[in-house]
């Protein structure tokens, strides 16, 4: 199992995505957050199929920080039920992982 994960979330407004990105990096919960968009999401909500324009946040962090990352996203996110999904980073360049480690702060 890898020590590194990428967490994704989406927001309706670009400013919300940028606020989440900035907060996670400032708190040293993420080494990098890429904001991509707009993207088109199709999903079921309220019993109906919806389509929305959203902004995608890709959060690079360590597995040990997932709970803190999730809590920080939930605190800032405007959605009732935001997407917060983590996937394992199976491989990456050693230099990138070293840099990632230097940017985040592990908590006891």
N, C-alpha and C. Protein backbone atom coordinates (compact mmCIF):
# COMPACT_ATOMS: atom_id res chain seq x y z
N UNK A 1 0.83 -1.17 0.00
CA UNK A 1 0.00 0.00 0.00
C UNK A 1 0.89 1.25 0.00
N UNK A 2 0.50 2.20 -0.81
CA UNK A 2 1.25 3.44 -0.94
C UNK A 2 0.93 4.40 0.19
N UNK A 3 1.88 5.24 0.55
CA UNK A 3 1.66 6.28 1.54
C UNK A 3 1.04 7.53 0.93
N UNK A 4 0.87 7.54 -0.39
CA UNK A 4 0.46 8.74 -1.10
C UNK A 4 -0.90 8.54 -1.76
N UNK A 5 -1.72 9.62 -1.72
CA UNK A 5 -3.05 9.56 -2.32
C UNK A 5 -3.33 10.85 -3.09
N UNK A 6 -4.31 10.74 -3.97
CA UNK A 6 -4.88 11.92 -4.62
C UNK A 6 -6.36 11.97 -4.23
N UNK A 7 -6.77 13.09 -3.68
CA UNK A 7 -8.16 13.27 -3.28
C UNK A 7 -8.80 14.21 -4.29
N UNK A 8 -10.01 13.87 -4.74
CA UNK A 8 -10.71 14.75 -5.66
C UNK A 8 -12.02 15.23 -5.05
N UNK A 9 -12.37 16.45 -5.39
CA UNK A 9 -13.67 17.01 -5.05
C UNK A 9 -14.04 17.96 -6.17
N UNK A 10 -15.33 18.26 -6.29
CA UNK A 10 -15.79 19.21 -7.30
C UNK A 10 -16.63 20.29 -6.63
N UNK A 11 -16.63 21.47 -7.22
CA UNK A 11 -17.44 22.58 -6.74
C UNK A 11 -18.12 23.26 -7.92
N UNK A 12 -19.20 23.96 -7.63
CA UNK A 12 -19.92 24.66 -8.70
C UNK A 12 -19.20 25.93 -9.12
N UNK A 13 -18.56 26.59 -8.17
CA UNK A 13 -17.91 27.87 -8.44
C UNK A 13 -16.39 27.74 -8.41
N UNK A 14 -15.73 28.37 -9.37
CA UNK A 14 -14.27 28.34 -9.41
C UNK A 14 -13.68 28.92 -8.13
N UNK A 15 -14.26 30.00 -7.61
CA UNK A 15 -13.73 30.61 -6.38
C UNK A 15 -13.75 29.65 -5.21
N UNK A 16 -14.80 28.81 -5.11
CA UNK A 16 -14.85 27.81 -4.04
C UNK A 16 -13.72 26.80 -4.18
N UNK A 17 -13.47 26.38 -5.41
CA UNK A 17 -12.38 25.43 -5.67
C UNK A 17 -11.03 26.04 -5.30
N UNK A 18 -10.84 27.30 -5.68
CA UNK A 18 -9.57 27.97 -5.36
C UNK A 18 -9.41 28.18 -3.86
N UNK A 19 -10.51 28.47 -3.16
CA UNK A 19 -10.44 28.61 -1.69
C UNK A 19 -10.05 27.30 -1.03
N UNK A 20 -10.64 26.20 -1.49
CA UNK A 20 -10.29 24.88 -0.95
C UNK A 20 -8.82 24.59 -1.22
N UNK A 21 -8.38 24.82 -2.44
CA UNK A 21 -6.98 24.57 -2.81
C UNK A 21 -6.03 25.37 -1.93
N UNK A 22 -6.28 26.65 -1.81
CA UNK A 22 -5.41 27.53 -1.04
C UNK A 22 -5.37 27.11 0.43
N UNK A 23 -6.53 26.80 0.98
CA UNK A 23 -6.60 26.41 2.40
C UNK A 23 -5.83 25.12 2.67
N UNK A 24 -6.01 24.12 1.82
CA UNK A 24 -5.32 22.84 2.03
C UNK A 24 -3.80 23.00 1.96
N UNK A 25 -3.32 23.81 1.02
CA UNK A 25 -1.88 24.01 0.90
C UNK A 25 -1.36 24.86 2.06
N UNK A 26 -2.10 25.92 2.42
CA UNK A 26 -1.67 26.76 3.55
C UNK A 26 -1.60 25.98 4.85
N UNK A 27 -2.53 25.04 5.05
CA UNK A 27 -2.54 24.22 6.27
C UNK A 27 -1.54 23.07 6.21
N UNK A 28 -0.84 22.95 5.10
CA UNK A 28 0.14 21.88 4.87
C UNK A 28 -0.52 20.50 4.89
N UNK A 29 -1.79 20.47 4.47
CA UNK A 29 -2.50 19.20 4.31
C UNK A 29 -2.29 18.63 2.93
N UNK A 30 -1.87 19.47 2.00
CA UNK A 30 -1.62 19.06 0.62
C UNK A 30 -0.37 19.74 0.11
N UNK A 31 0.36 19.02 -0.72
CA UNK A 31 1.54 19.60 -1.34
C UNK A 31 1.13 20.45 -2.54
N UNK A 32 0.07 20.02 -3.20
CA UNK A 32 -0.37 20.66 -4.43
C UNK A 32 -1.85 20.35 -4.62
N UNK A 33 -2.59 21.34 -5.09
CA UNK A 33 -3.98 21.12 -5.49
C UNK A 33 -4.14 21.75 -6.87
N UNK A 34 -4.48 20.92 -7.82
CA UNK A 34 -4.74 21.43 -9.17
C UNK A 34 -6.24 21.65 -9.32
N UNK A 35 -6.60 22.83 -9.81
CA UNK A 35 -7.99 23.15 -10.08
C UNK A 35 -8.18 23.10 -11.59
N UNK A 36 -9.06 22.23 -12.04
CA UNK A 36 -9.29 21.99 -13.45
C UNK A 36 -10.74 22.30 -13.77
N UNK A 37 -10.95 22.96 -14.89
CA UNK A 37 -12.34 23.17 -15.26
C UNK A 37 -12.51 24.26 -16.27
N UNK A 38 -13.73 24.46 -16.59
CA UNK A 38 -14.87 23.71 -16.06
C UNK A 38 -14.96 22.31 -16.67
N UNK A 39 -15.56 21.42 -15.89
CA UNK A 39 -15.87 20.06 -16.34
C UNK A 39 -17.38 19.90 -16.26
N UNK A 40 -17.91 18.95 -17.01
CA UNK A 40 -19.34 18.68 -16.97
C UNK A 40 -19.58 17.41 -16.20
N UNK A 41 -20.42 17.51 -15.16
CA UNK A 41 -20.76 16.35 -14.34
C UNK A 41 -22.23 16.01 -14.55
N UNK A 42 -22.50 14.72 -14.67
CA UNK A 42 -23.86 14.22 -14.75
C UNK A 42 -24.06 13.26 -13.60
N UNK A 43 -25.13 13.44 -12.83
CA UNK A 43 -25.34 12.68 -11.61
C UNK A 43 -26.84 12.68 -11.28
N UNK A 44 -27.22 11.81 -10.36
CA UNK A 44 -28.60 11.78 -9.89
C UNK A 44 -28.67 12.51 -8.55
N UNK A 45 -29.58 13.47 -8.44
CA UNK A 45 -29.78 14.22 -7.20
C UNK A 45 -31.25 14.57 -7.09
N UNK A 46 -31.82 14.34 -5.92
CA UNK A 46 -33.23 14.63 -5.72
C UNK A 46 -34.14 13.82 -6.61
N UNK A 47 -33.70 12.60 -6.96
CA UNK A 47 -34.50 11.72 -7.79
C UNK A 47 -34.48 12.03 -9.27
N UNK A 48 -33.66 13.00 -9.67
CA UNK A 48 -33.59 13.38 -11.08
C UNK A 48 -32.14 13.38 -11.55
N UNK A 49 -31.97 13.13 -12.85
CA UNK A 49 -30.64 13.22 -13.46
C UNK A 49 -30.34 14.69 -13.69
N UNK A 50 -29.20 15.12 -13.18
CA UNK A 50 -28.76 16.51 -13.28
C UNK A 50 -27.47 16.58 -14.09
N UNK A 51 -27.26 17.70 -14.72
CA UNK A 51 -25.99 17.99 -15.38
C UNK A 51 -25.55 19.37 -14.93
N UNK A 52 -24.29 19.47 -14.53
CA UNK A 52 -23.80 20.75 -14.01
C UNK A 52 -22.37 21.00 -14.49
N UNK A 53 -22.04 22.26 -14.57
CA UNK A 53 -20.67 22.68 -14.85
C UNK A 53 -19.98 22.82 -13.49
N UNK A 54 -18.83 22.17 -13.32
CA UNK A 54 -18.13 22.18 -12.04
C UNK A 54 -16.64 22.38 -12.26
N UNK A 55 -15.96 22.61 -11.13
CA UNK A 55 -14.51 22.75 -11.09
C UNK A 55 -13.96 21.59 -10.27
N UNK A 56 -12.96 20.92 -10.79
CA UNK A 56 -12.37 19.73 -10.19
C UNK A 56 -11.09 20.09 -9.43
N UNK A 57 -11.03 19.69 -8.17
CA UNK A 57 -9.81 19.86 -7.37
C UNK A 57 -9.13 18.51 -7.25
N UNK A 58 -7.85 18.45 -7.60
CA UNK A 58 -7.03 17.24 -7.46
C UNK A 58 -5.97 17.52 -6.41
N UNK A 59 -6.13 16.87 -5.26
CA UNK A 59 -5.32 17.14 -4.07
C UNK A 59 -4.25 16.07 -3.94
N UNK A 60 -2.98 16.45 -3.90
CA UNK A 60 -1.87 15.50 -3.70
C UNK A 60 -1.44 15.57 -2.25
N UNK A 61 -1.49 14.40 -1.58
CA UNK A 61 -1.18 14.38 -0.15
C UNK A 61 -0.74 12.99 0.29
N UNK A 62 -0.58 12.83 1.58
CA UNK A 62 -0.22 11.53 2.16
C UNK A 62 -1.48 10.88 2.74
N UNK A 63 -1.48 9.56 2.72
CA UNK A 63 -2.62 8.79 3.23
C UNK A 63 -2.96 9.16 4.67
N UNK A 64 -1.96 9.39 5.50
CA UNK A 64 -2.18 9.69 6.91
C UNK A 64 -2.96 10.99 7.12
N UNK A 65 -2.99 11.84 6.12
CA UNK A 65 -3.66 13.13 6.24
C UNK A 65 -5.08 13.12 5.69
N UNK A 66 -5.55 11.97 5.22
CA UNK A 66 -6.87 11.93 4.58
C UNK A 66 -7.96 12.50 5.47
N UNK A 67 -8.06 12.06 6.71
CA UNK A 67 -9.15 12.52 7.58
C UNK A 67 -9.12 14.03 7.77
N UNK A 68 -7.94 14.60 7.93
CA UNK A 68 -7.81 16.05 8.08
C UNK A 68 -8.17 16.77 6.78
N UNK A 69 -7.78 16.19 5.65
CA UNK A 69 -8.13 16.77 4.34
C UNK A 69 -9.65 16.74 4.17
N UNK A 70 -10.26 15.61 4.47
CA UNK A 70 -11.71 15.49 4.34
C UNK A 70 -12.42 16.52 5.23
N UNK A 71 -11.99 16.65 6.47
CA UNK A 71 -12.61 17.60 7.40
C UNK A 71 -12.47 19.04 6.89
N UNK A 72 -11.30 19.38 6.36
CA UNK A 72 -11.07 20.73 5.85
C UNK A 72 -11.96 21.01 4.63
N UNK A 73 -12.09 20.03 3.75
CA UNK A 73 -12.96 20.20 2.58
C UNK A 73 -14.40 20.38 3.03
N UNK A 74 -14.86 19.54 3.95
CA UNK A 74 -16.24 19.64 4.42
C UNK A 74 -16.53 20.99 5.06
N UNK A 75 -15.56 21.55 5.74
CA UNK A 75 -15.74 22.85 6.40
C UNK A 75 -15.93 23.97 5.38
N UNK A 76 -15.25 23.87 4.25
CA UNK A 76 -15.28 24.94 3.25
C UNK A 76 -16.29 24.72 2.13
N UNK A 77 -16.71 23.49 1.93
CA UNK A 77 -17.49 23.13 0.74
C UNK A 77 -18.94 23.57 0.86
N UNK A 78 -19.48 24.16 -0.20
CA UNK A 78 -20.87 24.62 -0.15
C UNK A 78 -21.91 23.52 -0.39
N UNK A 79 -21.53 22.37 -0.93
CA UNK A 79 -22.50 21.31 -1.23
C UNK A 79 -22.97 20.61 0.03
N UNK A 80 -24.20 20.10 0.01
CA UNK A 80 -24.72 19.29 1.12
C UNK A 80 -23.95 17.98 1.23
N UNK A 81 -23.68 17.35 0.09
CA UNK A 81 -22.95 16.08 0.03
C UNK A 81 -21.87 16.19 -1.04
N UNK A 82 -20.73 16.76 -0.69
CA UNK A 82 -19.67 16.91 -1.69
C UNK A 82 -18.99 15.58 -2.02
N UNK A 83 -18.56 15.48 -3.25
CA UNK A 83 -17.72 14.35 -3.64
C UNK A 83 -16.37 14.55 -2.97
N UNK A 84 -15.94 13.54 -2.23
CA UNK A 84 -14.58 13.52 -1.66
C UNK A 84 -14.11 12.08 -1.82
N UNK A 85 -13.25 11.85 -2.80
CA UNK A 85 -12.83 10.50 -3.15
C UNK A 85 -11.30 10.47 -3.19
N UNK A 86 -10.72 9.49 -2.50
CA UNK A 86 -9.27 9.33 -2.50
C UNK A 86 -8.88 8.09 -3.29
N UNK A 87 -7.84 8.23 -4.07
CA UNK A 87 -7.27 7.08 -4.78
C UNK A 87 -5.78 7.01 -4.47
N UNK A 88 -5.30 5.81 -4.43
CA UNK A 88 -3.89 5.57 -4.13
C UNK A 88 -3.03 5.98 -5.31
N UNK A 89 -1.92 6.62 -5.03
CA UNK A 89 -0.92 6.90 -6.06
C UNK A 89 0.01 5.70 -6.09
N UNK A 90 -0.11 4.91 -7.14
CA UNK A 90 0.64 3.66 -7.21
C UNK A 90 2.12 3.87 -7.48
N UNK A 91 2.43 4.86 -8.28
CA UNK A 91 3.83 5.15 -8.53
C UNK A 91 3.98 6.60 -8.95
N UNK A 92 5.14 7.15 -8.64
CA UNK A 92 5.46 8.53 -8.98
C UNK A 92 6.97 8.66 -8.92
N UNK A 93 7.48 9.72 -9.50
CA UNK A 93 8.93 9.88 -9.48
C UNK A 93 9.40 10.10 -8.04
N UNK A 94 10.53 9.50 -7.68
CA UNK A 94 11.06 9.66 -6.33
C UNK A 94 11.26 11.13 -5.95
N UNK A 95 11.71 11.94 -6.88
CA UNK A 95 11.94 13.36 -6.59
C UNK A 95 10.62 14.06 -6.26
N UNK A 96 9.55 13.72 -6.97
CA UNK A 96 8.24 14.33 -6.69
C UNK A 96 7.74 13.92 -5.31
N UNK A 97 7.87 12.64 -4.98
CA UNK A 97 7.41 12.17 -3.67
C UNK A 97 8.21 12.79 -2.53
N UNK A 98 9.50 12.98 -2.75
CA UNK A 98 10.33 13.64 -1.75
C UNK A 98 9.84 15.07 -1.54
N UNK A 99 9.57 15.77 -2.65
CA UNK A 99 9.05 17.13 -2.56
C UNK A 99 7.70 17.15 -1.84
N UNK A 100 6.81 16.21 -2.18
CA UNK A 100 5.50 16.12 -1.54
C UNK A 100 5.67 15.98 -0.02
N UNK A 101 6.55 15.08 0.38
CA UNK A 101 6.81 14.86 1.82
C UNK A 101 7.26 16.15 2.50
N UNK A 102 8.07 16.94 1.82
CA UNK A 102 8.59 18.18 2.41
C UNK A 102 7.51 19.26 2.53
N UNK A 103 6.43 19.15 1.77
CA UNK A 103 5.41 20.19 1.75
C UNK A 103 4.27 19.98 2.73
N UNK A 104 4.05 18.74 3.16
CA UNK A 104 2.94 18.46 4.06
C UNK A 104 3.45 18.28 5.48
N UNK A 105 2.53 18.43 6.42
CA UNK A 105 2.89 18.31 7.83
C UNK A 105 2.09 17.19 8.44
N UNK A 106 2.79 16.13 8.82
CA UNK A 106 2.09 15.01 9.45
C UNK A 106 1.71 15.39 10.88
N UNK A 107 0.52 14.96 11.28
CA UNK A 107 0.02 15.31 12.60
C UNK A 107 0.00 14.08 13.49
N UNK A 108 0.24 14.29 14.79
CA UNK A 108 0.23 13.15 15.72
C UNK A 108 -1.15 12.53 15.88
